[in-house]
Amino acid sequence: MAVSFTHCLQNLGLYSRSHLSCQRDSLEGKSHHVVNACLQKSGYDLAMNSKVGLLLDSVKWDEKGLAVAIAQNVDTGAILMQGFANKDALATTISSRKATFYSRSRSALWTKGETSMNFINVYDIFLDCDRDSIIYLGKPDGPTCHTGSDTCYFSSVFDLLKHPQLLCSKIREEADELCRTLEENEDKARTASEMADVLYHSMVLLALRGVQIEEVLQVLRQRFFKSGIEEKESRKA
């Protein structure tokens, strides 16, 4: 069962009931609800309100004070992106209505769209039943992914398995991003993240070729006991 932050805030009296309304708009024959809420007084800092603090404290943050935060399109239901949030990021999202995350590589808050202007305007926030992950339900101003795609989730595993050229293109793309972490002197967390992407897509290729990861590890073990020249000669044999 998901828990809506907006519903909780309404019940706590943080929003003026006279200003809480629900509008139904039509989109390609479907309807969606947009909840518009106004603060009780102008300029009030919602993020600092003690009642909001209680809600923030109810989230099961991990040992680093983070929780997975997923942005979802309020109109289509598409998953736009996934990041991480801490208390400050969630509080900022509540007060600004812009999807805000915590960057583990930069150790700082960042609001989606602060550079591209493609903000994700948040209409509601949900916690899952365990209260350890968050959904920002919102409407994007433009493409969410840095590639220009509407969503960061445009690479289907099934498509990669069916289209080898697409898979190879993805591996090359991820390898390039890994190299850029060195060229642009990015931190270790970013390098680890990009390496994980390379490994993931490479393992999809291995699965497609019927190669077990243990076979790869065995090759690496053998290389510890012979020179590069000997290893190349063994390939010819």
Protein backbone atom coordinates (compact mmCIF):
# COMPACT_ATOMS: atom_id res chain seq x y z
CA MET A 1 0.00 0.00 0.00
CA ALA A 2 1.44 3.37 -1.04
CA VAL A 3 1.22 6.39 1.21
CA SER A 4 0.53 9.79 -0.35
CA PHE A 5 2.44 12.72 1.15
CA THR A 6 -0.12 15.20 -0.17
CA HIS A 7 -2.94 13.28 1.52
CA CYS A 8 -1.01 13.19 4.80
CA LEU A 9 -0.22 16.90 4.63
CA GLN A 10 -3.86 17.68 3.91
CA ASN A 11 -4.98 15.70 6.95
CA LEU A 12 -2.41 17.45 9.11
CA GLY A 13 -3.81 20.80 8.10
CA LEU A 14 -0.71 22.02 6.30
CA TYR A 15 -2.77 22.94 3.27
CA SER A 16 -5.78 25.21 3.35
CA ARG A 17 -8.78 23.03 2.57
CA SER A 18 -10.46 25.89 0.79
CA HIS A 19 -7.60 25.94 -1.72
CA LEU A 20 -7.37 22.19 -2.26
CA SER A 21 -8.99 21.23 -5.54
CA CYS A 22 -8.96 18.37 -7.97
CA GLN A 23 -9.09 19.00 -11.70
CA ARG A 24 -9.82 16.46 -14.42
CA ASP A 25 -8.17 17.00 -17.77
CA SER A 26 -8.44 14.90 -20.88
CA LEU A 27 -5.37 13.46 -22.56
CA GLU A 28 -5.84 11.21 -25.59
CA GLY A 29 -9.18 10.02 -24.27
CA LYS A 30 -7.90 9.37 -20.76
CA SER A 31 -8.37 11.34 -17.60
CA HIS A 32 -5.88 12.27 -14.95
CA HIS A 33 -6.16 14.05 -11.66
CA VAL A 34 -3.99 16.98 -10.76
CA VAL A 35 -3.95 18.06 -7.17
CA ASN A 36 -3.30 21.74 -6.66
CA ALA A 37 -2.59 22.90 -3.15
CA CYS A 38 -1.77 26.30 -1.68
CA LEU A 39 0.03 27.05 1.54
CA GLN A 40 -1.97 28.67 4.32
CA LYS A 41 0.08 31.83 4.12
CA SER A 42 2.36 33.29 1.48
CA GLY A 43 6.06 32.73 1.92
CA TYR A 44 5.60 30.06 4.57
CA ASP A 45 8.50 27.63 4.60
CA LEU A 46 6.72 24.29 4.33
CA ALA A 47 9.94 22.29 4.52
CA MET A 48 10.66 23.65 8.01
CA ASN A 49 7.22 22.92 9.40
CA SER A 50 7.38 20.52 12.33
CA LYS A 51 4.57 18.37 10.93
CA VAL A 52 6.44 17.94 7.67
CA GLY A 53 9.44 17.04 9.79
CA LEU A 54 7.46 14.20 11.34
CA LEU A 55 6.64 12.86 7.90
CA LEU A 56 10.28 13.12 6.83
CA ASP A 57 11.32 11.24 9.97
CA SER A 58 8.88 8.45 9.12
CA VAL A 59 10.84 7.54 5.99
CA LYS A 60 13.18 4.59 6.46
CA TRP A 61 16.40 6.20 5.25
CA ASP A 62 19.37 3.89 4.73
CA GLU A 63 22.63 4.07 6.68
CA LYS A 64 23.72 7.00 4.50
CA GLY A 65 20.45 8.85 5.03
CA LEU A 66 19.18 8.10 1.52
CA ALA A 67 16.19 6.45 -0.12
CA VAL A 68 15.50 5.54 -3.74
CA ALA A 69 13.45 8.26 -5.44
CA ILE A 70 11.61 7.50 -8.69
CA ALA A 71 10.00 10.13 -10.92
CA GLN A 72 6.83 9.00 -12.72
CA ASN A 73 4.81 10.81 -15.38
CA VAL A 74 1.41 11.75 -13.95
CA ASP A 75 -0.20 11.60 -17.42
CA THR A 76 1.22 8.41 -18.92
CA GLY A 77 2.46 6.44 -15.92
CA ALA A 78 5.89 6.12 -17.56
CA ILE A 79 8.88 5.87 -15.24
CA LEU A 80 10.99 8.92 -16.04
CA MET A 81 14.12 8.44 -13.95
CA GLN A 82 15.53 7.07 -10.73
CA GLY A 83 17.78 8.81 -8.26
CA PHE A 84 18.27 9.15 -4.53
CA ALA A 85 16.82 11.57 -2.01
CA ASN A 86 17.69 12.52 1.54
CA LYS A 87 15.58 14.53 3.97
CA ASP A 88 16.66 17.86 2.49
CA ALA A 89 15.93 16.72 -1.07
CA LEU A 90 12.47 15.50 -0.13
CA ALA A 91 11.74 18.64 1.88
CA THR A 92 12.85 20.79 -1.05
CA THR A 93 10.62 18.81 -3.41
CA ILE A 94 7.63 19.32 -1.10
CA SER A 95 8.18 23.07 -0.85
CA SER A 96 9.27 23.80 -4.44
CA ARG A 97 7.12 21.23 -6.26
CA LYS A 98 10.18 20.44 -8.42
CA ALA A 99 11.67 16.94 -8.32
CA THR A 100 14.86 17.26 -6.28
CA PHE A 101 17.43 14.57 -5.59
CA TYR A 102 20.70 14.02 -3.75
CA SER A 103 23.80 13.49 -5.87
CA ARG A 104 26.02 10.84 -4.32
CA SER A 105 28.92 11.76 -6.59
CA ARG A 106 28.79 15.49 -5.79
CA SER A 107 27.40 15.16 -2.24
CA ALA A 108 24.88 17.90 -2.99
CA LEU A 109 21.22 18.44 -3.79
CA TRP A 110 20.22 18.88 -7.40
CA THR A 111 16.89 19.70 -8.97
CA LYS A 112 16.06 17.97 -12.23
CA GLY A 113 16.01 20.70 -14.88
CA GLU A 114 18.25 23.21 -13.12
CA THR A 115 20.58 23.09 -16.13
CA SER A 116 18.35 21.90 -18.99
CA MET A 117 15.21 23.70 -17.73
CA ASN A 118 13.38 20.39 -18.20
CA PHE A 119 11.91 20.38 -14.71
CA ILE A 120 9.64 17.66 -13.36
CA ASN A 121 6.70 19.45 -11.74
CA VAL A 122 5.57 17.33 -8.81
CA TYR A 123 1.84 16.92 -8.14
CA ASP A 124 2.07 14.24 -5.46
CA ILE A 125 4.61 12.17 -3.56
CA PHE A 126 4.16 8.54 -2.55
CA LEU A 127 5.97 6.23 -0.15
CA ASP A 128 5.83 2.48 -0.60
CA CYS A 129 4.40 0.20 2.10
CA ASP A 130 7.80 -0.20 3.77
CA ARG A 131 8.39 3.58 3.62
CA ASP A 132 11.88 3.08 2.18
CA SER A 133 11.34 4.27 -1.39
CA ILE A 134 9.72 7.37 -2.87
CA ILE A 135 7.75 8.21 -6.01
CA TYR A 136 7.60 11.76 -7.34
CA LEU A 137 4.42 11.86 -9.45
CA GLY A 138 4.77 14.78 -11.82
CA LYS A 139 4.65 16.33 -15.25
CA PRO A 140 7.96 16.89 -17.09
CA ASP A 141 8.61 20.13 -18.95
CA GLY A 142 10.61 18.27 -21.59
CA PRO A 143 12.84 15.22 -22.12
CA THR A 144 14.03 13.72 -18.84
CA CYS A 145 17.09 11.78 -20.03
CA HIS A 146 20.37 13.51 -20.89
CA THR A 147 20.25 11.63 -24.20
CA GLY A 148 17.15 13.59 -25.19
CA SER A 149 14.78 10.69 -24.58
CA ASP A 150 11.52 11.30 -22.75
CA THR A 151 12.54 8.74 -20.14
CA CYS A 152 15.82 7.28 -18.92
CA TYR A 153 14.26 3.82 -19.27
CA PHE A 154 14.33 3.42 -23.03
CA SER A 155 16.61 0.36 -23.22
CA SER A 156 14.50 -2.77 -23.03
CA VAL A 157 16.44 -5.89 -22.06
CA PHE A 158 14.25 -7.89 -24.43
CA ASP A 159 15.01 -5.44 -27.26
CA LEU A 160 18.74 -5.73 -26.53
CA LEU A 161 18.50 -9.52 -26.72
CA LYS A 162 16.58 -9.37 -30.01
CA HIS A 163 18.77 -6.72 -31.66
CA PRO A 164 22.53 -7.38 -31.34
CA GLN A 165 23.42 -4.11 -33.08
CA LEU A 166 21.46 -2.17 -30.47
CA LEU A 167 23.21 -4.07 -27.69
CA CYS A 168 26.67 -3.42 -29.14
CA SER A 169 25.83 0.24 -29.58
CA LYS A 170 24.80 0.42 -25.93
CA ILE A 171 28.03 -1.21 -24.74
CA ARG A 172 30.10 1.26 -26.77
CA GLU A 173 28.07 4.15 -25.38
CA GLU A 174 28.55 3.01 -21.78
CA ALA A 175 32.27 2.35 -22.33
CA ASP A 176 32.65 5.90 -23.64
CA GLU A 177 30.90 7.30 -20.57
CA LEU A 178 33.23 5.25 -18.36
CA CYS A 179 36.29 6.70 -20.11
CA ARG A 180 34.93 10.21 -19.71
CA THR A 181 34.95 9.80 -15.93
CA LEU A 182 38.75 9.59 -16.21
CA GLU A 183 39.12 12.30 -18.84
CA GLU A 184 36.91 14.71 -16.91
CA ASN A 185 38.35 13.73 -13.52
CA GLU A 186 35.02 12.69 -12.04
CA ASP A 187 34.90 11.09 -8.61
CA LYS A 188 35.13 7.38 -7.79
CA ALA A 189 31.40 6.98 -7.24
CA ARG A 190 30.70 8.14 -10.80
CA THR A 191 33.35 5.80 -12.19
CA ALA A 192 31.87 2.87 -10.26
CA SER A 193 28.40 3.74 -11.55
CA GLU A 194 29.51 3.87 -15.19
CA MET A 195 31.51 0.65 -14.80
CA ALA A 196 28.38 -1.03 -13.46
CA ASP A 197 26.55 0.02 -16.64
CA VAL A 198 29.34 -1.44 -18.79
CA LEU A 199 29.28 -4.71 -16.84
CA TYR A 200 25.51 -5.00 -16.98
CA HIS A 201 25.24 -4.60 -20.75
CA SER A 202 28.31 -6.79 -21.28
CA MET A 203 26.66 -9.53 -19.24
CA VAL A 204 23.58 -9.25 -21.44
CA LEU A 205 25.89 -9.86 -24.42
CA LEU A 206 27.40 -12.87 -22.64
CA ALA A 207 23.93 -14.27 -22.03
CA LEU A 208 23.09 -13.78 -25.70
CA ARG A 209 26.26 -15.66 -26.69
CA GLY A 210 25.71 -18.40 -24.11
CA VAL A 211 28.90 -17.54 -22.24
CA GLN A 212 28.94 -17.94 -18.45
CA ILE A 213 30.65 -15.29 -16.33
CA GLU A 214 32.73 -18.09 -14.76
CA GLU A 215 34.26 -18.76 -18.19
CA VAL A 216 35.42 -15.14 -18.33
CA LEU A 217 36.85 -15.34 -14.82
CA GLN A 218 38.70 -18.53 -15.74
CA VAL A 219 40.37 -16.74 -18.67
CA LEU A 220 41.45 -13.95 -16.32
CA ARG A 221 42.89 -16.46 -13.84
CA GLN A 222 44.93 -18.11 -16.59
CA ARG A 223 46.36 -14.78 -17.66
CA PHE A 224 47.89 -14.26 -14.24
CA PHE A 225 50.29 -17.12 -14.94
CA LYS A 226 51.50 -16.19 -18.43
CA SER A 227 52.84 -13.11 -20.19
CA GLY A 228 50.84 -11.14 -22.71
CA ILE A 229 52.95 -12.56 -25.54
CA GLU A 230 52.33 -16.13 -24.40
CA GLU A 231 48.62 -15.44 -24.06
CA LYS A 232 48.41 -14.13 -27.63
CA GLU A 233 50.35 -17.12 -28.95
CA SER A 234 47.95 -19.48 -27.19
CA ARG A 235 45.05 -17.90 -29.08
CA LYS A 236 46.67 -18.84 -32.43
CA ALA A 237 46.97 -22.42 -31.31
